[in-house]
Amino acid sequence: MSVVRGRINKPTDRRRVLRSLSSSIAKHHYLCVALMLFWTWLNLAFQGPLFFPPVVLSSGFLFPTWFAPILTCVLAYCVLGVWFKRTNWVFKQRWYVGLVAACMTMGALLCFLWINAFDASLAKGAPLLLCVAGSVLLGLGTALLMIEWGRIFGYLGPQQVLYHGVIAMLGSALLVVALSLFPRYVGQLTFVLIPLPLAFCLYKTLFTLPLKKLYTHGLNAELKIPYKFLATALLHGLSLGVLLGWLFIVGNEFNTSFLTGVSFVVAAALLLLTAVLVRMDFNHLIYRMGFGITATGAFLIACFGSAPAVGIFFQLIGFCYVHLVMWGLCSYLIKNFKLPATWVISWPTCCLMVGQLLGGLTSSVLVQQPDAASWIQLMATGMVFILLMASLVLLNSKNLITGWGLARPANLIQANGTNDMAVERLALEKNLTPREGEILAFMARGRNRKVISAELFISEETTKSHINGLYRKLSIHSQQELLTLVETLVSEMQAEQEASAF
């Protein structure tokens, strides 16, 4: 590790992070492939008119047929969120993942027949039955599989979510762009077949993990409703729904697929920079970066409605970015607050889907009015206002009290209890640098300068310089005073958590 004038060599620090990322991918390569396939599945199913094109009703109204699988997801998440203990025995069965994959494949196959044999008609009889049955199976399978992702990443931690999510997002983007170059039926057949290799990779991943711990984690935890997280998920889904409701009616399929693929690449690169390299906290990742990007896209659509490609591009980037950060946040809550994965995943995802339904149906109706251009401008302007106001309201001191807002998902030192969460809160409140925050975490665990230097691969003089800066910002003079400060903050946080939900 090279040191220049008592300061860490930043390129070396970045290389250390990238080495950590590559070793993580190598260790859980099946997980990365499975996640890439799942991202592709979600994109093909719910972010383009590949399997659920708009259908003309007898009244002349273009009906967005993706309503059925999304509604099925909402109902499934409600059931799982309420009865997560009663349904837990099913998740533990060896045949469960195979059953979910079969459900997804059968649903995709029924929809494939509905589109190609009956020209996506909703007339009474066979086509309507195929559409409904396929939609229900697709929505149910997707919801059940999402729970398994929460279980796995809740065990591995938010850092792994970001590492694997970024790589999987890049791989998915390449696959989506490649499929957009082929005839439509190629993408449809790919969609039908994806659950088979996905299930295989998921099996290989699950059986490298401690299954008993995986399925019993957090079942007896005290649960509090995460109002702020649910509101965030609802707004996130609302912004996506408004965009997709419009695109499904007036958008160009090829351009939508291509834009989505490219937006995945940009979102992955941006997430690698802000979360993994800069190590921003969840507050800034979601409310300042993610919501800010999405609001920028809505603003561009409002200003340049006749040429909306750039605005759509920004909104898709914002969606991909926030979606993956929220996966990391779910992982953080499961791991550090010791909460059940099924419960944590079900309710925020349910709210996201509800927001997508509300936004999508409203947008679909309004863009079919005679003055559609004015409605599009009004909706886009409204989303700018809602997202910016939400950022101001949701980004406040409450997140500091409950611990998750200030957490950095890509920290090399992961919080494992109230003591570590107090350290993270202290680091944010005192405006410590990421390096000072790492040293603070080690010192709060009683580590001395020699151990810290070895762990961080920096010289003892560099460590001493960081410690002096740390003491100055905290207005203390010794490690014992630091320990006392952390203990006091832990007591305050425990009292605050008893009085409020996270």
Protein backbone atom coordinates (compact mmCIF):
# COMPACT_ATOMS: atom_id res chain seq x y z
CA MET A 1 0.00 0.00 0.00
CA SER A 2 1.60 3.25 -1.07
CA VAL A 3 1.21 6.36 1.06
CA VAL A 4 1.88 9.90 -0.07
CA ARG A 5 2.51 12.54 2.65
CA GLY A 6 0.52 10.72 5.28
CA ARG A 7 -2.56 10.26 3.11
CA ILE A 8 -3.94 7.12 1.58
CA ASN A 9 -3.33 6.60 -2.11
CA LYS A 10 -6.87 6.83 -3.54
CA PRO A 11 -6.25 4.68 -6.64
CA THR A 12 -4.93 1.94 -4.36
CA ASP A 13 -8.02 2.25 -2.18
CA ARG A 14 -10.23 1.90 -5.25
CA ARG A 15 -8.29 -1.15 -6.38
CA ARG A 16 -8.90 -2.71 -2.98
CA VAL A 17 -12.64 -2.19 -3.36
CA LEU A 18 -12.61 -3.60 -6.90
CA ARG A 19 -10.60 -6.62 -5.74
CA SER A 20 -13.23 -7.19 -3.05
CA LEU A 21 -15.93 -6.98 -5.72
CA SER A 22 -14.21 -9.45 -8.06
CA SER A 23 -13.51 -11.96 -5.28
CA SER A 24 -17.15 -11.78 -4.18
CA ILE A 25 -18.38 -12.44 -7.73
CA ALA A 26 -15.97 -15.36 -8.10
CA LYS A 27 -17.14 -16.88 -4.82
CA HIS A 28 -20.87 -16.60 -5.62
CA HIS A 29 -20.84 -16.76 -9.42
CA TYR A 30 -24.05 -18.79 -9.62
CA LEU A 31 -25.78 -16.10 -7.60
CA CYS A 32 -24.62 -13.43 -10.04
CA VAL A 33 -25.89 -15.39 -13.06
CA ALA A 34 -29.23 -16.06 -11.37
CA LEU A 35 -29.64 -12.39 -10.52
CA MET A 36 -28.79 -11.38 -14.08
CA LEU A 37 -31.48 -13.72 -15.40
CA PHE A 38 -33.99 -12.40 -12.89
CA TRP A 39 -33.30 -8.77 -13.87
CA THR A 40 -33.85 -9.75 -17.51
CA TRP A 41 -37.08 -11.54 -16.58
CA LEU A 42 -38.43 -8.48 -14.78
CA ASN A 43 -37.55 -6.20 -17.66
CA LEU A 44 -39.14 -8.41 -20.31
CA ALA A 45 -42.27 -9.00 -18.24
CA PHE A 46 -43.08 -5.64 -16.72
CA GLN A 47 -41.06 -2.89 -18.45
CA GLY A 48 -41.97 -3.41 -22.09
CA PRO A 49 -44.98 -4.57 -24.15
CA LEU A 50 -43.35 -7.92 -24.94
CA PHE A 51 -45.72 -10.16 -23.01
CA PHE A 52 -48.47 -7.79 -21.91
CA PRO A 53 -49.24 -5.47 -24.85
CA PRO A 54 -52.12 -2.98 -24.62
CA VAL A 55 -55.39 -4.48 -25.88
CA VAL A 56 -58.22 -2.54 -27.55
CA LEU A 57 -61.51 -3.05 -25.67
CA SER A 58 -64.95 -2.78 -27.26
CA SER A 59 -65.18 0.81 -26.01
CA GLY A 60 -62.02 1.70 -27.94
CA PHE A 61 -59.94 2.09 -24.77
CA LEU A 62 -56.41 0.62 -24.83
CA PHE A 63 -56.21 -1.53 -21.71
CA PRO A 64 -52.74 -2.18 -20.17
CA THR A 65 -52.81 -5.96 -19.67
CA TRP A 66 -49.85 -5.89 -17.27
CA PHE A 67 -52.45 -4.87 -14.67
CA ALA A 68 -53.26 -8.56 -13.99
CA PRO A 69 -49.76 -9.87 -13.10
CA ILE A 70 -48.99 -6.75 -11.04
CA LEU A 71 -52.26 -7.12 -9.13
CA THR A 72 -51.41 -10.78 -8.50
CA CYS A 73 -48.03 -9.70 -7.09
CA VAL A 74 -49.74 -7.22 -4.76
CA LEU A 75 -52.14 -9.86 -3.42
CA ALA A 76 -49.33 -12.41 -3.03
CA TYR A 77 -47.16 -9.97 -1.07
CA CYS A 78 -50.09 -9.09 1.20
CA VAL A 79 -50.68 -12.77 2.02
CA LEU A 80 -46.98 -13.44 2.57
CA GLY A 81 -46.54 -10.31 4.68
CA VAL A 82 -49.41 -11.23 6.99
CA TRP A 83 -48.78 -14.99 7.22
CA PHE A 84 -45.00 -15.13 6.87
CA LYS A 85 -44.70 -17.54 9.83
CA ARG A 86 -47.41 -19.90 8.62
CA THR A 87 -45.98 -20.09 5.11
CA ASN A 88 -42.35 -20.47 6.18
CA TRP A 89 -42.49 -24.29 6.13
CA VAL A 90 -43.15 -24.22 2.38
CA PHE A 91 -40.01 -22.19 1.64
CA LYS A 92 -37.82 -24.79 3.37
CA GLN A 93 -38.83 -27.66 1.06
CA ARG A 94 -36.25 -28.80 -1.49
CA TRP A 95 -38.84 -28.79 -4.26
CA TYR A 96 -39.94 -25.20 -3.59
CA VAL A 97 -37.59 -23.39 -6.02
CA GLY A 98 -38.40 -25.90 -8.74
CA LEU A 99 -42.11 -25.34 -8.18
CA VAL A 100 -41.67 -21.57 -8.46
CA ALA A 101 -39.69 -21.97 -11.69
CA ALA A 102 -42.38 -24.27 -13.10
CA CYS A 103 -45.03 -21.70 -12.16
CA MET A 104 -43.11 -18.94 -13.95
CA THR A 105 -42.45 -21.07 -17.05
CA MET A 106 -46.06 -22.21 -17.32
CA GLY A 107 -47.31 -18.64 -16.92
CA ALA A 108 -44.93 -17.41 -19.62
CA LEU A 109 -45.94 -20.24 -21.95
CA LEU A 110 -49.66 -19.50 -21.51
CA CYS A 111 -49.06 -15.82 -22.27
CA PHE A 112 -46.97 -16.81 -25.30
CA LEU A 113 -49.89 -18.84 -26.64
CA TRP A 114 -52.33 -16.03 -25.84
CA ILE A 115 -50.27 -13.53 -27.86
CA ASN A 116 -49.31 -15.69 -30.84
CA ALA A 117 -52.33 -17.98 -31.19
CA PHE A 118 -55.07 -15.49 -30.33
CA ASP A 119 -53.36 -12.19 -31.23
CA ALA A 120 -53.54 -10.97 -27.59
CA SER A 121 -57.32 -10.86 -27.66
CA LEU A 122 -59.44 -10.49 -24.51
CA ALA A 123 -62.54 -11.96 -26.08
CA LYS A 124 -64.51 -14.40 -23.96
CA GLY A 125 -63.37 -18.01 -23.89
CA ALA A 126 -59.92 -19.48 -24.47
CA PRO A 127 -57.92 -16.23 -25.00
CA LEU A 128 -59.28 -14.61 -21.86
CA LEU A 129 -58.59 -17.77 -19.84
CA LEU A 130 -55.04 -17.99 -21.17
CA CYS A 131 -54.35 -14.34 -20.35
CA VAL A 132 -55.74 -14.55 -16.81
CA ALA A 133 -54.12 -17.90 -15.96
CA GLY A 134 -50.76 -16.85 -17.41
CA SER A 135 -50.86 -13.50 -15.61
CA VAL A 136 -51.66 -15.10 -12.25
CA LEU A 137 -48.89 -17.70 -12.58
CA LEU A 138 -46.37 -15.06 -13.69
CA GLY A 139 -47.25 -12.66 -10.89
CA LEU A 140 -47.25 -15.38 -8.22
CA GLY A 141 -43.95 -16.90 -9.37
CA THR A 142 -42.24 -13.50 -9.51
CA ALA A 143 -43.42 -12.58 -6.00
CA LEU A 144 -42.28 -15.90 -4.52
CA LEU A 145 -38.89 -15.67 -6.18
CA MET A 146 -38.40 -12.13 -4.90
CA ILE A 147 -38.71 -13.47 -1.35
CA GLU A 148 -35.83 -15.87 -1.98
CA TRP A 149 -33.63 -13.00 -3.13
CA GLY A 150 -34.40 -11.19 0.10
CA ARG A 151 -33.53 -14.28 2.12
CA ILE A 152 -30.18 -14.78 0.40
CA PHE A 153 -29.10 -11.14 0.46
CA GLY A 154 -30.35 -10.74 4.01
CA TYR A 155 -27.78 -13.34 4.95
CA LEU A 156 -24.95 -12.01 2.75
CA GLY A 157 -25.49 -8.31 3.54
CA PRO A 158 -26.02 -5.09 1.54
CA GLN A 159 -22.47 -4.94 0.27
CA GLN A 160 -23.05 -8.19 -1.62
CA VAL A 161 -26.34 -6.85 -3.00
CA LEU A 162 -24.46 -3.95 -4.57
CA TYR A 163 -21.57 -6.05 -5.84
CA HIS A 164 -23.74 -8.70 -7.47
CA GLY A 165 -26.47 -6.24 -8.44
CA VAL A 166 -24.10 -4.01 -10.40
CA ILE A 167 -22.55 -6.89 -12.34
CA ALA A 168 -25.92 -8.59 -12.91
CA MET A 169 -27.43 -5.31 -14.10
CA LEU A 170 -24.65 -4.92 -16.67
CA GLY A 171 -25.12 -8.49 -17.91
CA SER A 172 -28.87 -8.04 -18.08
CA ALA A 173 -28.46 -4.82 -20.05
CA LEU A 174 -26.36 -6.56 -22.69
CA LEU A 175 -28.91 -9.36 -22.96
CA VAL A 176 -31.87 -6.96 -23.24
CA VAL A 177 -30.16 -4.87 -25.91
CA ALA A 178 -29.20 -8.01 -27.83
CA LEU A 179 -32.79 -9.31 -27.72
CA SER A 180 -34.08 -5.97 -29.02
CA LEU A 181 -32.17 -6.64 -32.26
CA PHE A 182 -34.03 -9.90 -32.97
CA PRO A 183 -37.65 -10.52 -33.97
CA ARG A 184 -40.18 -10.26 -31.20
CA TYR A 185 -40.78 -13.99 -30.83
CA VAL A 186 -37.08 -14.55 -29.92
CA GLY A 187 -37.48 -12.38 -26.84
CA GLN A 188 -40.73 -14.14 -25.98
CA LEU A 189 -39.18 -17.61 -26.20
CA THR A 190 -36.21 -16.42 -24.14
CA PHE A 191 -38.65 -15.20 -21.52
CA VAL A 192 -40.36 -18.61 -21.42
CA LEU A 193 -37.04 -20.44 -20.93
CA ILE A 194 -35.33 -18.10 -18.43
CA PRO A 195 -36.83 -19.71 -15.26
CA LEU A 196 -35.07 -23.05 -15.96
CA PRO A 197 -31.41 -21.89 -15.76
CA LEU A 198 -32.49 -19.37 -13.12
CA ALA A 199 -33.77 -22.17 -10.86
CA PHE A 200 -30.59 -24.21 -11.42
CA CYS A 201 -28.31 -21.30 -10.42
CA LEU A 202 -30.51 -20.48 -7.44
CA TYR A 203 -30.33 -24.09 -6.22
CA LYS A 204 -26.54 -24.04 -6.52
CA THR A 205 -26.44 -20.82 -4.49
CA LEU A 206 -28.85 -21.90 -1.73
CA PHE A 207 -27.03 -25.12 -0.96
CA THR A 208 -23.77 -23.25 -0.27
CA LEU A 209 -25.52 -21.34 2.55
CA PRO A 210 -26.63 -22.46 6.05
CA LEU A 211 -30.24 -23.29 5.21
CA LYS A 212 -31.47 -23.69 8.79
CA LYS A 213 -30.23 -20.22 9.71
CA LEU A 214 -31.55 -18.84 6.45
CA TYR A 215 -35.15 -19.93 7.07
CA THR A 216 -35.37 -19.25 10.83
CA HIS A 217 -33.76 -15.82 10.80
CA GLY A 218 -35.89 -13.16 12.51
CA LEU A 219 -39.06 -15.21 12.88
CA ASN A 220 -39.49 -14.16 16.52
CA ALA A 221 -38.38 -10.55 16.09
CA GLU A 222 -40.45 -7.63 17.36
CA LEU A 223 -41.94 -6.03 14.25
CA LYS A 224 -42.71 -2.37 13.66
CA ILE A 225 -44.26 -0.91 10.54
CA PRO A 226 -41.55 0.81 8.40
CA TYR A 227 -43.67 3.79 7.38
CA LYS A 228 -40.86 5.76 5.81
CA PHE A 229 -39.57 2.85 3.79
CA LEU A 230 -43.10 1.99 2.60
CA ALA A 231 -43.72 5.61 1.53
CA THR A 232 -40.42 5.58 -0.37
CA ALA A 233 -41.37 2.35 -2.16
CA LEU A 234 -44.84 3.70 -3.04
CA LEU A 235 -43.40 6.85 -4.61
CA HIS A 236 -40.76 4.82 -6.43
CA GLY A 237 -43.47 2.62 -7.94
CA LEU A 238 -45.69 5.61 -8.73
CA SER A 239 -42.98 7.31 -10.81
CA LEU A 240 -42.33 4.08 -12.73
CA GLY A 241 -46.05 3.46 -13.27
CA VAL A 242 -46.67 6.94 -14.70
CA LEU A 243 -43.82 6.42 -17.16
CA LEU A 244 -44.75 2.87 -18.18
CA GLY A 245 -48.46 3.64 -18.46
CA TRP A 246 -47.58 6.19 -21.08
CA LEU A 247 -44.92 4.11 -22.84
CA PHE A 248 -47.14 1.04 -23.14
CA ILE A 249 -49.68 3.12 -25.06
CA VAL A 250 -47.58 5.42 -27.24
CA GLY A 251 -44.02 4.12 -26.91
CA ASN A 252 -41.97 2.34 -29.54
CA GLU A 253 -41.10 -1.19 -28.43
CA PHE A 254 -37.63 -1.32 -29.94
CA ASN A 255 -36.65 2.06 -28.54
CA THR A 256 -38.07 1.17 -25.12
CA SER A 257 -36.06 -2.06 -24.93
CA PHE A 258 -32.90 -0.37 -26.16
CA LEU A 259 -33.28 2.59 -23.80
CA THR A 260 -33.94 0.25 -20.87
CA GLY A 261 -30.82 -1.77 -21.63
CA VAL A 262 -28.60 1.29 -21.90
CA SER A 263 -30.14 2.81 -18.75
CA PHE A 264 -29.18 -0.38 -16.86
CA VAL A 265 -25.55 0.19 -17.87
CA VAL A 266 -25.54 3.83 -16.76
CA ALA A 267 -27.35 3.03 -13.50
CA ALA A 268 -24.88 0.24 -12.71
CA ALA A 269 -21.88 2.48 -13.36
CA LEU A 270 -23.38 5.28 -11.29
CA LEU A 271 -24.14 2.90 -8.43
CA LEU A 272 -20.61 1.51 -8.54
CA LEU A 273 -19.29 5.06 -8.22
CA THR A 274 -21.61 6.44 -5.54
CA ALA A 275 -22.27 3.38 -3.36
CA VAL A 276 -19.22 1.16 -3.77
CA LEU A 277 -16.36 3.62 -4.39
CA VAL A 278 -17.57 6.82 -2.68
CA ARG A 279 -19.63 4.79 -0.15
CA MET A 280 -22.56 7.17 0.23
CA ASP A 281 -25.24 6.38 2.81
CA PHE A 282 -28.80 5.21 2.07
CA ASN A 283 -30.27 8.70 2.64
CA HIS A 284 -28.15 10.24 -0.09
CA LEU A 285 -28.35 7.24 -2.42
CA ILE A 286 -32.16 7.14 -2.43
CA TYR A 287 -33.41 10.67 -1.81
CA ARG A 288 -30.69 12.84 -3.30
CA MET A 289 -29.25 10.70 -6.08
CA GLY A 290 -32.05 8.31 -7.09
CA PHE A 291 -35.06 10.58 -6.62
CA GLY A 292 -33.04 13.47 -8.05
CA ILE A 293 -32.27 11.57 -11.27
CA THR A 294 -35.89 10.46 -11.63
CA ALA A 295 -37.17 14.00 -11.05
CA THR A 296 -34.71 15.29 -13.66
CA GLY A 297 -36.14 12.84 -16.19
CA ALA A 298 -39.70 13.93 -15.40
CA PHE A 299 -38.65 17.58 -15.74
CA LEU A 300 -37.13 16.93 -19.18
CA ILE A 301 -40.31 15.17 -20.31
CA ALA A 302 -42.38 18.13 -19.11
CA CYS A 303 -40.15 20.57 -21.00
CA PHE A 304 -39.58 18.54 -24.17
CA GLY A 305 -42.69 16.36 -24.45
CA SER A 306 -42.45 16.18 -28.23
CA ALA A 307 -38.95 14.65 -27.99
CA PRO A 308 -39.03 12.74 -24.68
CA ALA A 309 -36.24 10.20 -25.26
CA VAL A 310 -33.72 11.93 -22.97
CA GLY A 311 -36.29 12.36 -20.20
CA ILE A 312 -37.35 8.72 -20.47
CA PHE A 313 -33.69 7.69 -20.36
CA PHE A 314 -33.12 9.64 -17.11
CA GLN A 315 -36.26 8.20 -15.51
CA LEU A 316 -35.24 4.65 -16.35
CA ILE A 317 -31.79 5.27 -14.89
CA GLY A 318 -33.38 6.62 -11.72
CA PHE A 319 -35.68 3.60 -11.44
CA CYS A 320 -32.88 1.03 -11.87
CA TYR A 321 -30.65 2.93 -9.47
CA VAL A 322 -33.23 3.30 -6.68
CA HIS A 323 -34.54 -0.24 -7.14
CA LEU A 324 -31.16 -1.81 -6.49
CA VAL A 325 -30.42 0.52 -3.57
CA MET A 326 -33.74 -0.51 -2.02
CA TRP A 327 -32.73 -4.14 -2.37
CA GLY A 328 -29.62 -3.22 -0.42
CA LEU A 329 -31.74 -1.48 2.21
CA CYS A 330 -33.95 -4.56 2.61
CA SER A 331 -30.81 -6.63 3.07
CA TYR A 332 -29.54 -4.17 5.69
CA LEU A 333 -32.78 -4.31 7.67
CA ILE A 334 -32.91 -8.11 7.55
CA LYS A 335 -29.30 -8.57 8.59
CA ASN A 336 -28.77 -5.80 11.13
CA PHE A 337 -32.23 -5.48 12.67
CA LYS A 338 -32.60 -9.30 12.62
CA LEU A 339 -35.98 -9.19 10.84
CA PRO A 340 -37.68 -11.98 8.84
CA ALA A 341 -36.85 -11.78 5.13
CA THR A 342 -40.39 -12.60 3.96
CA TRP A 343 -41.90 -9.77 6.01
CA VAL A 344 -39.24 -7.19 5.05
CA ILE A 345 -39.48 -7.95 1.32
CA SER A 346 -43.26 -8.32 1.13
CA TRP A 347 -44.50 -4.95 2.36
CA PRO A 348 -42.14 -2.51 0.56
CA THR A 349 -42.47 -4.48 -2.69
CA CYS A 350 -46.25 -4.56 -2.27
CA CYS A 351 -46.25 -0.75 -1.90
CA LEU A 352 -44.02 -0.42 -4.95
CA MET A 353 -46.45 -2.51 -7.00
CA VAL A 354 -49.45 -0.55 -5.69
CA GLY A 355 -47.72 2.66 -6.75
CA GLN A 356 -47.03 1.17 -10.18
CA LEU A 357 -50.68 0.19 -10.55
CA LEU A 358 -51.97 3.62 -9.53
CA GLY A 359 -49.50 5.52 -11.67
CA GLY A 360 -49.78 3.19 -14.65
CA LEU A 361 -53.57 3.08 -14.84
CA THR A 362 -53.91 6.84 -14.32
CA SER A 363 -51.29 7.54 -16.97
CA SER A 364 -52.87 5.06 -19.42
CA VAL A 365 -56.26 6.78 -19.11
CA LEU A 366 -54.95 10.33 -19.39
CA VAL A 367 -52.74 9.78 -22.44
CA GLN A 368 -55.77 8.52 -24.37
CA GLN A 369 -57.65 11.77 -23.87
CA PRO A 370 -57.96 14.24 -26.78
CA ASP A 371 -55.46 16.66 -25.17
CA ALA A 372 -52.93 13.91 -24.31
CA ALA A 373 -49.88 16.17 -24.73
CA SER A 374 -51.12 18.53 -22.00
CA TRP A 375 -51.82 15.62 -19.66
CA ILE A 376 -48.34 14.18 -20.21
CA GLN A 377 -46.80 17.55 -19.37
CA LEU A 378 -49.00 17.90 -16.30
CA MET A 379 -48.17 14.37 -15.05
CA ALA A 380 -44.44 14.89 -15.54
CA THR A 381 -44.55 18.25 -13.72
CA GLY A 382 -46.54 16.66 -10.90
CA MET A 383 -43.95 13.88 -10.51
CA VAL A 384 -41.14 16.44 -10.28
CA PHE A 385 -42.96 18.21 -7.45
CA ILE A 386 -43.88 14.98 -5.63
CA LEU A 387 -40.35 13.52 -5.78
CA LEU A 388 -38.62 16.70 -4.68
CA MET A 389 -41.07 17.27 -1.81
CA ALA A 390 -40.74 13.62 -0.76
CA SER A 391 -36.97 13.98 -0.66
CA LEU A 392 -37.26 16.97 1.66
CA VAL A 393 -39.79 15.27 3.96
CA LEU A 394 -38.25 11.79 4.08
CA LEU A 395 -34.62 12.93 4.34
CA ASN A 396 -34.63 14.11 7.94
CA SER A 397 -33.30 13.29 11.39
CA LYS A 398 -35.73 10.39 11.92
CA ASN A 399 -33.55 8.25 9.69
CA LEU A 400 -30.59 9.00 11.95
CA ILE A 401 -32.52 7.87 15.02
CA THR A 402 -33.51 4.53 13.55
CA GLY A 403 -30.14 3.75 11.98
CA TRP A 404 -30.81 2.78 8.36
CA GLY A 405 -30.68 6.19 6.69
CA LEU A 406 -27.09 6.88 7.64
CA ALA A 407 -25.79 3.36 6.92
CA ARG A 408 -23.36 3.00 4.03
CA PRO A 409 -24.30 -0.24 2.18
CA ALA A 410 -20.79 -0.74 0.79
CA ASN A 411 -18.93 -0.24 4.07
CA LEU A 412 -16.05 -2.66 4.50
CA ILE A 413 -17.03 -2.64 8.19
CA GLN A 414 -20.65 -3.80 8.34
CA ALA A 415 -22.88 -2.88 11.26
CA ASN A 416 -23.79 -5.94 13.33
CA GLY A 417 -25.65 -4.33 16.22
CA THR A 418 -26.70 -1.13 17.95
CA ASN A 419 -23.08 -0.30 18.80
CA ASP A 420 -22.04 -0.27 15.14
CA MET A 421 -25.16 1.65 14.13
CA ALA A 422 -24.25 4.26 16.74
CA VAL A 423 -20.81 4.51 15.14
CA GLU A 424 -22.40 5.08 11.73
CA ARG A 425 -24.70 7.73 13.15
CA LEU A 426 -21.77 9.47 14.81
CA ALA A 427 -19.77 9.38 11.57
CA LEU A 428 -22.58 11.10 9.66
CA GLU A 429 -23.45 13.67 12.32
CA LYS A 430 -19.80 14.71 12.71
CA ASN A 431 -19.20 14.71 8.94
CA LEU A 432 -16.39 12.15 9.10
CA THR A 433 -14.72 10.97 5.92
CA PRO A 434 -15.27 7.32 4.87
CA ARG A 435 -11.74 6.47 6.08
CA GLU A 436 -12.30 8.20 9.43
CA GLY A 437 -15.58 6.29 9.75
CA GLU A 438 -13.76 2.97 9.25
CA ILE A 439 -11.15 3.87 11.84
CA LEU A 440 -13.87 4.98 14.24
CA ALA A 441 -15.56 1.56 13.84
CA PHE A 442 -12.33 -0.27 14.63
CA MET A 443 -11.57 1.93 17.63
CA ALA A 444 -15.09 1.48 19.00
CA ARG A 445 -14.34 -2.25 19.01
CA GLY A 446 -11.21 -1.67 21.06
CA ARG A 447 -8.67 -2.10 18.24
CA ASN A 448 -5.33 -0.30 18.54
CA ARG A 449 -3.42 1.63 15.90
CA LYS A 450 -1.25 -1.32 14.84
CA VAL A 451 -4.25 -3.59 14.21
CA ILE A 452 -6.13 -0.85 12.35
CA SER A 453 -3.15 -0.20 10.09
CA ALA A 454 -2.87 -3.89 9.24
CA GLU A 455 -6.60 -4.23 8.55
CA LEU A 456 -6.76 -1.17 6.28
CA PHE A 457 -3.34 -1.72 4.63
CA ILE A 458 -2.08 1.73 5.54
CA SER A 459 0.96 2.90 7.54
CA GLU A 460 0.75 3.57 11.27
CA GLU A 461 1.62 7.22 10.63
CA THR A 462 -1.33 7.54 8.27
CA THR A 463 -3.56 5.89 10.86
CA LYS A 464 -2.27 8.28 13.54
CA SER A 465 -3.05 11.26 11.30
CA HIS A 466 -6.61 10.05 10.74
CA ILE A 467 -7.08 9.40 14.47
CA ASN A 468 -5.94 12.93 15.34
CA GLY A 469 -8.45 14.34 12.85
CA LEU A 470 -11.10 12.05 14.27
CA TYR A 471 -10.46 13.21 17.85
CA ARG A 472 -10.60 16.84 16.73
CA LYS A 473 -14.00 16.42 15.05
CA LEU A 474 -15.42 14.52 18.04
CA SER A 475 -13.89 16.96 20.58
CA ILE A 476 -12.22 14.14 22.52
CA HIS A 477 -8.62 13.25 23.39
CA SER A 478 -8.40 9.48 23.88
CA GLN A 479 -9.83 6.13 22.84
CA GLN A 480 -11.46 5.75 26.26
CA GLU A 481 -13.38 8.99 25.72
CA LEU A 482 -14.41 7.66 22.31
CA LEU A 483 -15.76 4.44 23.87
CA THR A 484 -17.69 6.45 26.44
CA LEU A 485 -19.14 8.66 23.71
CA VAL A 486 -20.30 5.61 21.72
CA GLU A 487 -21.83 3.96 24.80
CA THR A 488 -23.80 7.11 25.58
CA LEU A 489 -25.08 7.30 22.01
CA VAL A 490 -26.05 3.59 22.09
CA SER A 491 -28.21 4.22 25.17
CA GLU A 492 -29.90 7.19 23.47
CA MET A 493 -30.59 5.19 20.29
CA GLN A 494 -32.07 2.27 22.21
CA ALA A 495 -34.46 4.62 23.99
CA GLU A 496 -35.37 6.31 20.70
CA GLN A 497 -35.94 3.00 18.89
CA GLU A 498 -38.34 1.87 21.61
CA ALA A 499 -40.41 4.97 20.96
CA SER A 500 -40.43 4.87 17.15
CA ALA A 501 -40.60 2.48 14.20
CA PHE A 502 -37.71 2.22 11.80
